[in-house]
Amino acid sequence: MKNIYAGAIVIGLFGVLSACAPQSTEKKIAEVAPTPIQETVRLDEREILPLNQMQRQQVLGEMRGLLVATQGVIEGLANDDMEMVADAANAVSMKAHGTVENKQNMKRLKMGRVLPPEFRQLGRGVHVAFGEMAQMATDGKPAKDIQLKLADTMNSCVACHAAYQIPNP
């Protein structure tokens, strides 16, 4: 009887040891680990703007300018300072955007060739809208009307950021 009991213990230990062996562990890991991805999966489905570093800096700089102008308009409205609203909005209006220097820079960087027409249209609309906000502030229009214009303009910003991405080149 002792031999049967000892044999059962040996068989049991052998089973435990073989279950812990590296080959068994590797098999378990292989079963759990995902298989290598054969193709790259894009998590961000927005259209990639194919910009070089200088073009990228131009676009990002312009967006930062729009953000600064937006903050200036909001602050001016909050303080009932229509001069501040007009100055902030004028800084990024089509008048400011259409300077000879800016046009030359855009041409030198070949921005018209690399930016999709829809992107350019959204951007142009935003610059036009800021010019309209500046005029509204100069004309003494109610702050609420300017706020509504800004809110509508921000819809273009949201649409653009939802549609496009600008990765590092």
Protein backbone atom coordinates (compact mmCIF):
# COMPACT_ATOMS: atom_id res chain seq x y z
CA MET A 1 0.00 0.00 0.00
CA LYS A 2 2.91 2.28 0.79
CA ASN A 3 4.25 1.77 -2.73
CA ILE A 4 0.94 2.76 -4.32
CA TYR A 5 0.72 5.86 -2.10
CA ALA A 6 4.34 6.80 -2.87
CA GLY A 7 3.75 6.20 -6.56
CA ALA A 8 0.71 8.49 -6.55
CA ILE A 9 2.74 11.22 -4.86
CA VAL A 10 5.55 10.90 -7.40
CA ILE A 11 3.11 10.98 -10.29
CA GLY A 12 1.35 13.99 -8.74
CA LEU A 13 4.64 15.84 -8.24
CA PHE A 14 5.72 15.00 -11.75
CA GLY A 15 2.47 16.44 -13.07
CA VAL A 16 2.90 19.65 -11.06
CA LEU A 17 6.53 20.03 -12.15
CA SER A 18 5.72 19.45 -15.81
CA ALA A 19 2.88 21.99 -15.61
CA CYS A 20 5.39 24.59 -14.37
CA ALA A 21 8.03 23.78 -16.96
CA PRO A 22 9.11 26.64 -19.28
CA GLN A 23 7.71 24.98 -22.38
CA SER A 24 4.27 24.90 -20.82
CA THR A 25 4.54 28.57 -19.75
CA GLU A 26 5.68 29.60 -23.23
CA LYS A 27 2.71 27.80 -24.71
CA LYS A 28 0.35 29.63 -22.36
CA ILE A 29 1.95 32.98 -23.23
CA ALA A 30 1.70 32.20 -26.94
CA GLU A 31 -1.98 31.40 -26.52
CA VAL A 32 -2.65 34.69 -24.71
CA ALA A 33 -0.33 37.04 -26.63
CA PRO A 34 -1.81 38.72 -29.69
CA THR A 35 -0.47 37.74 -33.05
CA PRO A 36 1.81 40.27 -34.78
CA ILE A 37 -0.11 42.95 -36.65
CA GLN A 38 0.37 42.50 -40.37
CA GLU A 39 -0.71 46.03 -41.30
CA THR A 40 -0.57 49.32 -39.47
CA VAL A 41 -3.85 50.31 -37.88
CA ARG A 42 -4.54 54.06 -37.86
CA LEU A 43 -6.29 55.04 -34.68
CA ASP A 44 -6.68 58.63 -35.86
CA GLU A 45 -8.76 58.60 -39.03
CA ARG A 46 -8.43 62.35 -39.70
CA GLU A 47 -6.84 63.33 -42.99
CA ILE A 48 -3.10 63.83 -42.66
CA LEU A 49 -1.84 67.13 -44.03
CA PRO A 50 1.46 66.29 -45.77
CA LEU A 51 3.47 69.29 -44.55
CA ASN A 52 7.19 69.67 -44.20
CA GLN A 53 8.53 71.19 -40.96
CA MET A 54 8.39 74.81 -42.17
CA GLN A 55 4.88 74.43 -43.59
CA ARG A 56 3.78 72.77 -40.36
CA GLN A 57 5.19 75.64 -38.31
CA GLN A 58 3.37 78.14 -40.54
CA VAL A 59 -0.01 76.45 -40.02
CA LEU A 60 0.49 75.87 -36.29
CA GLY A 61 1.64 79.47 -35.83
CA GLU A 62 -1.46 80.70 -37.59
CA MET A 63 -3.67 78.53 -35.38
CA ARG A 64 -1.93 79.86 -32.26
CA GLY A 65 -2.63 83.38 -33.53
CA LEU A 66 -6.30 82.52 -33.95
CA LEU A 67 -6.39 81.14 -30.43
CA VAL A 68 -4.80 84.31 -29.03
CA ALA A 69 -7.32 86.42 -30.97
CA THR A 70 -10.20 84.31 -29.66
CA GLN A 71 -8.99 84.84 -26.10
CA GLY A 72 -8.72 88.59 -26.76
CA VAL A 73 -12.24 88.76 -28.15
CA ILE A 74 -13.63 86.82 -25.18
CA GLU A 75 -11.75 88.99 -22.67
CA GLY A 76 -12.82 92.17 -24.42
CA LEU A 77 -16.45 91.06 -24.41
CA ALA A 78 -16.25 90.09 -20.73
CA ASN A 79 -14.86 93.53 -19.86
CA ASP A 80 -17.18 95.41 -22.20
CA ASP A 81 -14.08 96.68 -24.02
CA MET A 82 -15.07 96.84 -27.67
CA GLU A 83 -11.73 98.38 -28.64
CA MET A 84 -9.99 95.28 -27.31
CA VAL A 85 -12.45 93.09 -29.23
CA ALA A 86 -11.80 94.99 -32.46
CA ASP A 87 -8.01 94.94 -32.00
CA ALA A 88 -7.92 91.20 -31.21
CA ALA A 89 -10.21 90.31 -34.12
CA ASN A 90 -8.43 92.62 -36.58
CA ALA A 91 -5.11 90.94 -35.79
CA VAL A 92 -6.27 87.78 -37.61
CA SER A 93 -8.76 89.25 -40.08
CA MET A 94 -8.41 88.82 -43.84
CA LYS A 95 -6.89 92.30 -43.88
CA ALA A 96 -4.09 91.15 -41.57
CA HIS A 97 -3.85 87.74 -43.23
CA GLY A 98 -3.67 89.28 -46.69
CA THR A 99 -0.49 91.31 -46.13
CA VAL A 100 2.14 91.26 -48.84
CA GLU A 101 4.56 89.61 -46.42
CA ASN A 102 2.11 86.84 -45.53
CA LYS A 103 1.20 86.23 -49.18
CA GLN A 104 4.89 85.97 -50.11
CA ASN A 105 5.51 83.60 -47.23
CA MET A 106 2.57 81.40 -48.23
CA LYS A 107 3.81 81.35 -51.82
CA ARG A 108 7.40 80.59 -50.79
CA LEU A 109 6.19 77.67 -48.68
CA LYS A 110 3.88 76.47 -51.49
CA MET A 111 0.98 76.28 -49.07
CA GLY A 112 -1.61 76.49 -51.85
CA ARG A 113 -0.25 73.24 -53.29
CA VAL A 114 -0.15 71.22 -50.08
CA LEU A 115 -3.28 72.33 -48.25
CA PRO A 116 -6.56 70.80 -49.44
CA PRO A 117 -9.11 73.27 -50.83
CA GLU A 118 -11.55 72.45 -48.01
CA PHE A 119 -8.90 73.28 -45.41
CA ARG A 120 -8.11 76.57 -47.13
CA GLN A 121 -11.83 77.39 -47.38
CA LEU A 122 -12.36 76.79 -43.65
CA GLY A 123 -9.35 78.95 -42.83
CA ARG A 124 -10.44 81.76 -45.11
CA GLY A 125 -13.91 81.72 -43.58
CA VAL A 126 -12.42 82.05 -40.10
CA HIS A 127 -10.29 85.06 -41.14
CA VAL A 128 -13.31 86.70 -42.79
CA ALA A 129 -15.42 86.10 -39.66
CA PHE A 130 -12.82 87.72 -37.41
CA GLY A 131 -12.87 90.76 -39.69
CA GLU A 132 -16.66 90.86 -39.34
CA MET A 133 -16.33 90.64 -35.54
CA ALA A 134 -13.89 93.56 -35.59
CA GLN A 135 -16.34 95.60 -37.65
CA MET A 136 -19.22 94.66 -35.34
CA ALA A 137 -17.22 95.86 -32.33
CA THR A 138 -16.28 99.10 -34.11
CA ASP A 139 -19.92 99.67 -35.07
CA GLY A 140 -21.02 99.20 -31.46
CA LYS A 141 -23.04 96.04 -32.03
CA PRO A 142 -24.23 94.24 -28.88
CA ALA A 143 -21.71 91.94 -27.19
CA LYS A 144 -24.16 89.04 -27.50
CA ASP A 145 -24.16 89.37 -31.32
CA ILE A 146 -20.36 89.26 -31.35
CA GLN A 147 -20.39 86.26 -29.01
CA LEU A 148 -22.77 84.46 -31.34
CA LYS A 149 -20.51 85.29 -34.29
CA LEU A 150 -17.52 83.93 -32.38
CA ALA A 151 -19.41 80.77 -31.42
CA ASP A 152 -20.38 80.22 -35.06
CA THR A 153 -16.77 80.82 -36.14
CA MET A 154 -15.52 78.32 -33.59
CA ASN A 155 -17.67 75.68 -35.33
CA SER A 156 -15.27 76.01 -38.27
CA CYS A 157 -12.32 75.50 -35.94
CA VAL A 158 -13.93 72.39 -34.46
CA ALA A 159 -14.76 71.02 -37.93
CA CYS A 160 -11.21 71.59 -39.14
CA HIS A 161 -9.60 69.95 -36.10
CA ALA A 162 -12.02 67.02 -36.47
CA ALA A 163 -11.12 66.55 -40.14
CA TYR A 164 -7.34 67.11 -40.26
CA GLN A 165 -4.19 66.24 -38.39
CA ILE A 166 -0.70 67.66 -38.71
CA PRO A 167 1.83 65.09 -37.49
CA ASN A 168 5.52 65.80 -37.18
CA PRO A 169 7.22 65.18 -40.53
